[in-house]
Amino acid sequence: MPYVNIKVTKEHGGLTKEQKADLIEGVTGLLEEKLQKNPASTVVIIEEIDMDNYGLGAEQISEKRKRQS
């Protein structure tokens, strides 16, 4: 059973329901096409990461983005 975990940031409000559906369908189709995996047993998880919950260069991304604006 394939298990795919996609992590994306919640920049600009995060993903729409439609974008999430497209990702799930696309990843499932890719695994079926390239690895002959059964779509019925393919699990796709999408996690949206808040901008305060990760950092780069010892700084929260939310603060880094504020400075860049």
PDB file of N, CA and C in Angstrom:
ATOM      1  N   MET A   1       0.841  -1.172   0.000  1.00  0.00           N
ATOM      2  CA  MET A   1       0.000   0.000   0.000  1.00  0.00           C
ATOM      3  C   MET A   1       0.889   1.240   0.000  1.00  0.00           C
ATOM      4  N   PRO A   2       0.869   2.029  -1.073  1.00  0.00           N
ATOM      5  CA  PRO A   2       1.631   3.269  -1.091  1.00  0.00           C
ATOM      6  C   PRO A   2       1.028   4.286  -0.125  1.00  0.00           C
ATOM      7  N   TYR A   3       1.906   5.019   0.531  1.00  0.00           N
ATOM      8  CA  TYR A   3       1.507   6.076   1.458  1.00  0.00           C
ATOM      9  C   TYR A   3       2.331   7.297   1.100  1.00  0.00           C
ATOM     10  N   VAL A   4       1.670   8.343   0.664  1.00  0.00           N
ATOM     11  CA  VAL A   4       2.353   9.568   0.250  1.00  0.00           C
ATOM     12  C   VAL A   4       1.930  10.692   1.182  1.00  0.00           C
ATOM     13  N   ASN A   5       2.915  11.407   1.728  1.00  0.00           N
ATOM     14  CA  ASN A   5       2.642  12.531   2.617  1.00  0.00           C
ATOM     15  C   ASN A   5       3.180  13.793   1.951  1.00  0.00           C
ATOM     16  N   ILE A   6       2.279  14.697   1.587  1.00  0.00           N
ATOM     17  CA  ILE A   6       2.645  15.956   0.955  1.00  0.00           C
ATOM     18  C   ILE A   6       2.536  17.048   2.007  1.00  0.00           C
ATOM     19  N   LYS A   7       3.610  17.804   2.187  1.00  0.00           N
ATOM     20  CA  LYS A   7       3.597  18.916   3.138  1.00  0.00           C
ATOM     21  C   LYS A   7       3.778  20.207   2.363  1.00  0.00           C
ATOM     22  N   VAL A   8       2.856  21.129   2.580  1.00  0.00           N
ATOM     23  CA  VAL A   8       2.909  22.436   1.927  1.00  0.00           C
ATOM     24  C   VAL A   8       2.672  23.518   2.973  1.00  0.00           C
ATOM     25  N   THR A   9       3.175  24.703   2.693  1.00  0.00           N
ATOM     26  CA  THR A   9       2.951  25.811   3.615  1.00  0.00           C
ATOM     27  C   THR A   9       1.589  26.440   3.359  1.00  0.00           C
ATOM     28  N   LYS A  10       1.101  27.114   4.380  1.00  0.00           N
ATOM     29  CA  LYS A  10      -0.189  27.796   4.285  1.00  0.00           C
ATOM     30  C   LYS A  10      -0.021  29.234   3.787  1.00  0.00           C
ATOM     31  N   GLU A  11       0.964  29.478   2.961  1.00  0.00           N
ATOM     32  CA  GLU A  11       1.137  30.818   2.420  1.00  0.00           C
ATOM     33  C   GLU A  11      -0.098  31.201   1.618  1.00  0.00           C
ATOM     34  N   HIS A  12      -0.465  32.459   1.708  1.00  0.00           N
ATOM     35  CA  HIS A  12      -1.595  32.999   0.950  1.00  0.00           C
ATOM     36  C   HIS A  12      -2.890  32.237   1.232  1.00  0.00           C
ATOM     37  N   GLY A  13      -3.065  31.794   2.470  1.00  0.00           N
ATOM     38  CA  GLY A  13      -4.304  31.129   2.855  1.00  0.00           C
ATOM     39  C   GLY A  13      -4.341  29.626   2.676  1.00  0.00           C
ATOM     40  N   GLY A  14      -3.293  29.039   2.113  1.00  0.00           N
ATOM     41  CA  GLY A  14      -3.239  27.590   1.941  1.00  0.00           C
ATOM     42  C   GLY A  14      -3.908  27.136   0.657  1.00  0.00           C
ATOM     43  N   LEU A  15      -4.042  25.843   0.544  1.00  0.00           N
ATOM     44  CA  LEU A  15      -4.609  25.239  -0.661  1.00  0.00           C
ATOM     45  C   LEU A  15      -6.135  25.258  -0.618  1.00  0.00           C
ATOM     46  N   THR A  16      -6.732  25.328  -1.787  1.00  0.00           N
ATOM     47  CA  THR A  16      -8.186  25.215  -1.871  1.00  0.00           C
ATOM     48  C   THR A  16      -8.562  23.735  -1.860  1.00  0.00           C
ATOM     49  N   LYS A  17      -9.832  23.465  -1.636  1.00  0.00           N
ATOM     50  CA  LYS A  17     -10.326  22.094  -1.682  1.00  0.00           C
ATOM     51  C   LYS A  17     -10.060  21.479  -3.059  1.00  0.00           C
ATOM     52  N   GLU A  18     -10.227  22.271  -4.100  1.00  0.00           N
ATOM     53  CA  GLU A  18      -9.999  21.796  -5.463  1.00  0.00           C
ATOM     54  C   GLU A  18      -8.530  21.462  -5.704  1.00  0.00           C
ATOM     55  N   GLN A  19      -7.633  22.296  -5.208  1.00  0.00           N
ATOM     56  CA  GLN A  19      -6.198  22.022  -5.356  1.00  0.00           C
ATOM     57  C   GLN A  19      -5.811  20.730  -4.639  1.00  0.00           C
ATOM     58  N   LYS A  20      -6.382  20.516  -3.460  1.00  0.00           N
ATOM     59  CA  LYS A  20      -6.103  19.286  -2.724  1.00  0.00           C
ATOM     60  C   LYS A  20      -6.608  18.071  -3.490  1.00  0.00           C
ATOM     61  N   ALA A  21      -7.810  18.177  -4.040  1.00  0.00           N
ATOM     62  CA  ALA A  21      -8.368  17.070  -4.825  1.00  0.00           C
ATOM     63  C   ALA A  21      -7.479  16.783  -6.038  1.00  0.00           C
ATOM     64  N   ASP A  22      -6.991  17.842  -6.696  1.00  0.00           N
ATOM     65  CA  ASP A  22      -6.095  17.664  -7.848  1.00  0.00           C
ATOM     66  C   ASP A  22      -4.799  16.962  -7.452  1.00  0.00           C
ATOM     67  N   LEU A  23      -4.236  17.359  -6.315  1.00  0.00           N
ATOM     68  CA  LEU A  23      -3.011  16.709  -5.843  1.00  0.00           C
ATOM     69  C   LEU A  23      -3.237  15.227  -5.558  1.00  0.00           C
ATOM     70  N   ILE A  24      -4.317  14.929  -4.860  1.00  0.00           N
ATOM     71  CA  ILE A  24      -4.624  13.532  -4.528  1.00  0.00           C
ATOM     72  C   ILE A  24      -4.806  12.706  -5.791  1.00  0.00           C
ATOM     73  N   GLU A  25      -5.576  13.220  -6.729  1.00  0.00           N
ATOM     74  CA  GLU A  25      -5.808  12.504  -7.979  1.00  0.00           C
ATOM     75  C   GLU A  25      -4.511  12.360  -8.785  1.00  0.00           C
ATOM     76  N   GLY A  26      -3.740  13.432  -8.861  1.00  0.00           N
ATOM     77  CA  GLY A  26      -2.512  13.409  -9.646  1.00  0.00           C
ATOM     78  C   GLY A  26      -1.463  12.460  -9.104  1.00  0.00           C
ATOM     79  N   VAL A  27      -1.255  12.484  -7.798  1.00  0.00           N
ATOM     80  CA  VAL A  27      -0.265  11.599  -7.182  1.00  0.00           C
ATOM     81  C   VAL A  27      -0.706  10.146  -7.302  1.00  0.00           C
ATOM     82  N   THR A  28      -1.982   9.895  -7.086  1.00  0.00           N
ATOM     83  CA  THR A  28      -2.500   8.535  -7.214  1.00  0.00           C
ATOM     84  C   THR A  28      -2.311   8.027  -8.644  1.00  0.00           C
ATOM     85  N   GLY A  29      -2.639   8.870  -9.620  1.00  0.00           N
ATOM     86  CA  GLY A  29      -2.461   8.489 -11.023  1.00  0.00           C
ATOM     87  C   GLY A  29      -1.009   8.257 -11.391  1.00  0.00           C
ATOM     88  N   LEU A  30      -0.122   9.077 -10.861  1.00  0.00           N
ATOM     89  CA  LEU A  30       1.312   8.921 -11.133  1.00  0.00           C
ATOM     90  C   LEU A  30       1.836   7.594 -10.595  1.00  0.00           C
ATOM     91  N   LEU A  31       1.433   7.239  -9.378  1.00  0.00           N
ATOM     92  CA  LEU A  31       1.865   5.962  -8.804  1.00  0.00           C
ATOM     93  C   LEU A  31       1.300   4.777  -9.584  1.00  0.00           C
ATOM     94  N   GLU A  32       0.086   4.923 -10.061  1.00  0.00           N
ATOM     95  CA  GLU A  32      -0.506   3.854 -10.868  1.00  0.00           C
ATOM     96  C   GLU A  32       0.256   3.714 -12.193  1.00  0.00           C
ATOM     97  N   GLU A  33       0.520   4.841 -12.847  1.00  0.00           N
ATOM     98  CA  GLU A  33       1.174   4.820 -14.157  1.00  0.00           C
ATOM     99  C   GLU A  33       2.635   4.370 -14.080  1.00  0.00           C
ATOM    100  N   LYS A  34       3.385   4.914 -13.148  1.00  0.00           N
ATOM    101  CA  LYS A  34       4.831   4.674 -13.106  1.00  0.00           C
ATOM    102  C   LYS A  34       5.236   3.447 -12.304  1.00  0.00           C
ATOM    103  N   LEU A  35       4.437   3.109 -11.284  1.00  0.00           N
ATOM    104  CA  LEU A  35       4.813   1.998 -10.401  1.00  0.00           C
ATOM    105  C   LEU A  35       3.788   0.873 -10.381  1.00  0.00           C
ATOM    106  N   GLN A  36       2.739   0.984 -11.207  1.00  0.00           N
ATOM    107  CA  GLN A  36       1.668  -0.010 -11.281  1.00  0.00           C
ATOM    108  C   GLN A  36       1.035  -0.274  -9.907  1.00  0.00           C
ATOM    109  N   LYS A  37       0.843   0.791  -9.145  1.00  0.00           N
ATOM    110  CA  LYS A  37       0.208   0.670  -7.828  1.00  0.00           C
ATOM    111  C   LYS A  37      -1.303   0.798  -7.977  1.00  0.00           C
ATOM    112  N   ASN A  38      -2.017   0.034  -7.184  1.00  0.00           N
ATOM    113  CA  ASN A  38      -3.475   0.034  -7.209  1.00  0.00           C
ATOM    114  C   ASN A  38      -4.008   1.322  -6.575  1.00  0.00           C
ATOM    115  N   PRO A  39      -4.757   2.135  -7.325  1.00  0.00           N
ATOM    116  CA  PRO A  39      -5.303   3.371  -6.755  1.00  0.00           C
ATOM    117  C   PRO A  39      -6.185   3.137  -5.536  1.00  0.00           C
ATOM    118  N   ALA A  40      -6.840   2.007  -5.485  1.00  0.00           N
ATOM    119  CA  ALA A  40      -7.739   1.716  -4.359  1.00  0.00           C
ATOM    120  C   ALA A  40      -6.991   1.544  -3.044  1.00  0.00           C
ATOM    121  N   SER A  41      -5.695   1.265  -3.117  1.00  0.00           N
ATOM    122  CA  SER A  41      -4.927   1.083  -1.879  1.00  0.00           C
ATOM    123  C   SER A  41      -3.872   2.175  -1.689  1.00  0.00           C
ATOM    124  N   THR A  42      -3.965   3.239  -2.473  1.00  0.00           N
ATOM    125  CA  THR A  42      -3.011   4.339  -2.362  1.00  0.00           C
ATOM    126  C   THR A  42      -3.555   5.403  -1.418  1.00  0.00           C
ATOM    127  N   VAL A  43      -2.754   5.728  -0.410  1.00  0.00           N
ATOM    128  CA  VAL A  43      -3.127   6.736   0.577  1.00  0.00           C
ATOM    129  C   VAL A  43      -2.329   8.007   0.299  1.00  0.00           C
ATOM    130  N   VAL A  44      -3.021   9.142   0.228  1.00  0.00           N
ATOM    131  CA  VAL A  44      -2.365  10.436   0.051  1.00  0.00           C
ATOM    132  C   VAL A  44      -2.815  11.354   1.188  1.00  0.00           C
ATOM    133  N   ILE A  45      -1.846  11.857   1.932  1.00  0.00           N
ATOM    134  CA  ILE A  45      -2.112  12.763   3.045  1.00  0.00           C
ATOM    135  C   ILE A  45      -1.524  14.124   2.683  1.00  0.00           C
ATOM    136  N   ILE A  46      -2.304  15.182   2.881  1.00  0.00           N
ATOM    137  CA  ILE A  46      -1.806  16.537   2.653  1.00  0.00           C
ATOM    138  C   ILE A  46      -1.793  17.256   3.993  1.00  0.00           C
ATOM    139  N   GLU A  47      -0.619  17.744   4.360  1.00  0.00           N
ATOM    140  CA  GLU A  47      -0.469  18.506   5.596  1.00  0.00           C
ATOM    141  C   GLU A  47      -0.120  19.941   5.245  1.00  0.00           C
ATOM    142  N   GLU A  48      -0.875  20.870   5.794  1.00  0.00           N
ATOM    143  CA  GLU A  48      -0.568  22.276   5.602  1.00  0.00           C
ATOM    144  C   GLU A  48       0.151  22.800   6.846  1.00  0.00           C
ATOM    145  N   ILE A  49       1.313  23.363   6.614  1.00  0.00           N
ATOM    146  CA  ILE A  49       2.168  23.818   7.702  1.00  0.00           C
ATOM    147  C   ILE A  49       2.011  25.324   7.875  1.00  0.00           C
ATOM    148  N   ASP A  50       1.642  25.737   9.058  1.00  0.00           N
ATOM    149  CA  ASP A  50       1.515  27.150   9.364  1.00  0.00           C
ATOM    150  C   ASP A  50       2.878  27.830   9.254  1.00  0.00           C
ATOM    151  N   MET A  51       2.891  29.064   8.798  1.00  0.00           N
ATOM    152  CA  MET A  51       4.143  29.776   8.556  1.00  0.00           C
ATOM    153  C   MET A  51       4.949  30.005   9.834  1.00  0.00           C
ATOM    154  N   ASP A  52       4.293  29.974  10.996  1.00  0.00           N
ATOM    155  CA  ASP A  52       5.022  30.121  12.263  1.00  0.00           C
ATOM    156  C   ASP A  52       5.649  28.808  12.713  1.00  0.00           C
ATOM    157  N   ASN A  53       5.283  27.703  12.065  1.00  0.00           N
ATOM    158  CA  ASN A  53       5.711  26.385  12.524  1.00  0.00           C
ATOM    159  C   ASN A  53       6.917  25.824  11.799  1.00  0.00           C
ATOM    160  N   TYR A  54       7.584  26.644  11.018  1.00  0.00           N
ATOM    161  CA  TYR A  54       8.863  26.191  10.469  1.00  0.00           C
ATOM    162  C   TYR A  54       9.771  27.380  10.238  1.00  0.00           C
ATOM    163  N   GLY A  55      11.046  27.079  10.189  1.00  0.00           N
ATOM    164  CA  GLY A  55      12.016  28.153  10.057  1.00  0.00           C
ATOM    165  C   GLY A  55      13.099  27.825   9.056  1.00  0.00           C
ATOM    166  N   LEU A  56      13.803  28.854   8.688  1.00  0.00           N
ATOM    167  CA  LEU A  56      14.930  28.736   7.772  1.00  0.00           C
ATOM    168  C   LEU A  56      15.972  29.738   8.236  1.00  0.00           C
ATOM    169  N   GLY A  57      17.194  29.291   8.381  1.00  0.00           N
ATOM    170  CA  GLY A  57      18.252  30.187   8.826  1.00  0.00           C
ATOM    171  C   GLY A  57      18.002  30.741  10.218  1.00  0.00           C
ATOM    172  N   ALA A  58      17.490  29.907  11.101  1.00  0.00           N
ATOM    173  CA  ALA A  58      17.243  30.248  12.508  1.00  0.00           C
ATOM    174  C   ALA A  58      16.148  31.306  12.688  1.00  0.00           C
ATOM    175  N   GLU A  59      15.254  31.415  11.724  1.00  0.00           N
ATOM    176  CA  GLU A  59      14.184  32.405  11.802  1.00  0.00           C
ATOM    177  C   GLU A  59      12.884  31.810  11.275  1.00  0.00           C
ATOM    178  N   GLN A  60      11.768  32.149  11.947  1.00  0.00           N
ATOM    179  CA  GLN A  60      10.466  31.699  11.455  1.00  0.00           C
ATOM    180  C   GLN A  60      10.227  32.274  10.066  1.00  0.00           C
ATOM    181  N   ILE A  61       9.660  31.470   9.204  1.00  0.00           N
ATOM    182  CA  ILE A  61       9.368  31.914   7.843  1.00  0.00           C
ATOM    183  C   ILE A  61       8.392  33.083   7.844  1.00  0.00           C
ATOM    184  N   SER A  62       7.450  33.093   8.772  1.00  0.00           N
ATOM    185  CA  SER A  62       6.492  34.204   8.833  1.00  0.00           C
ATOM    186  C   SER A  62       7.218  35.532   9.040  1.00  0.00           C
ATOM    187  N   GLU A  63       8.240  35.551   9.878  1.00  0.00           N
ATOM    188  CA  GLU A  63       9.003  36.770  10.118  1.00  0.00           C
ATOM    189  C   GLU A  63       9.872  37.126   8.915  1.00  0.00           C
ATOM    190  N   LYS A  64      10.444  36.121   8.298  1.00  0.00           N
ATOM    191  CA  LYS A  64      11.275  36.330   7.108  1.00  0.00           C
ATOM    192  C   LYS A  64      10.425  36.949   5.986  1.00  0.00           C
ATOM    193  N   ARG A  65       9.202  36.440   5.803  1.00  0.00           N
ATOM    194  CA  ARG A  65       8.309  36.955   4.759  1.00  0.00           C
ATOM    195  C   ARG A  65       7.898  38.413   5.044  1.00  0.00           C
ATOM    196  N   LYS A  66       7.663  38.736   6.316  1.00  0.00           N
ATOM    197  CA  LYS A  66       7.307  40.110   6.680  1.00  0.00           C
ATOM    198  C   LYS A  66       8.420  41.078   6.266  1.00  0.00           C
ATOM    199  N   ARG A  67       9.640  40.697   6.510  1.00  0.00           N
ATOM    200  CA  ARG A  67      10.780  41.549   6.174  1.00  0.00           C
ATOM    201  C   ARG A  67      10.927  41.723   4.674  1.00  0.00           C
ATOM    202  N   GLN A  68      10.591  40.694   3.922  1.00  0.00           N
ATOM    203  CA  GLN A  68      10.762  40.713   2.464  1.00  0.00           C
ATOM    204  C   GLN A  68       9.660  41.507   1.768  1.00  0.00           C
ATOM    205  N   SER A  69       8.563  41.758   2.450  1.00  0.00           N
ATOM    206  CA  SER A  69       7.432  42.482   1.830  1.00  0.00           C
ATOM    207  C   SER A  69       7.722  43.951   1.677  1.00  0.00           C
TER     208      SER A  69
END
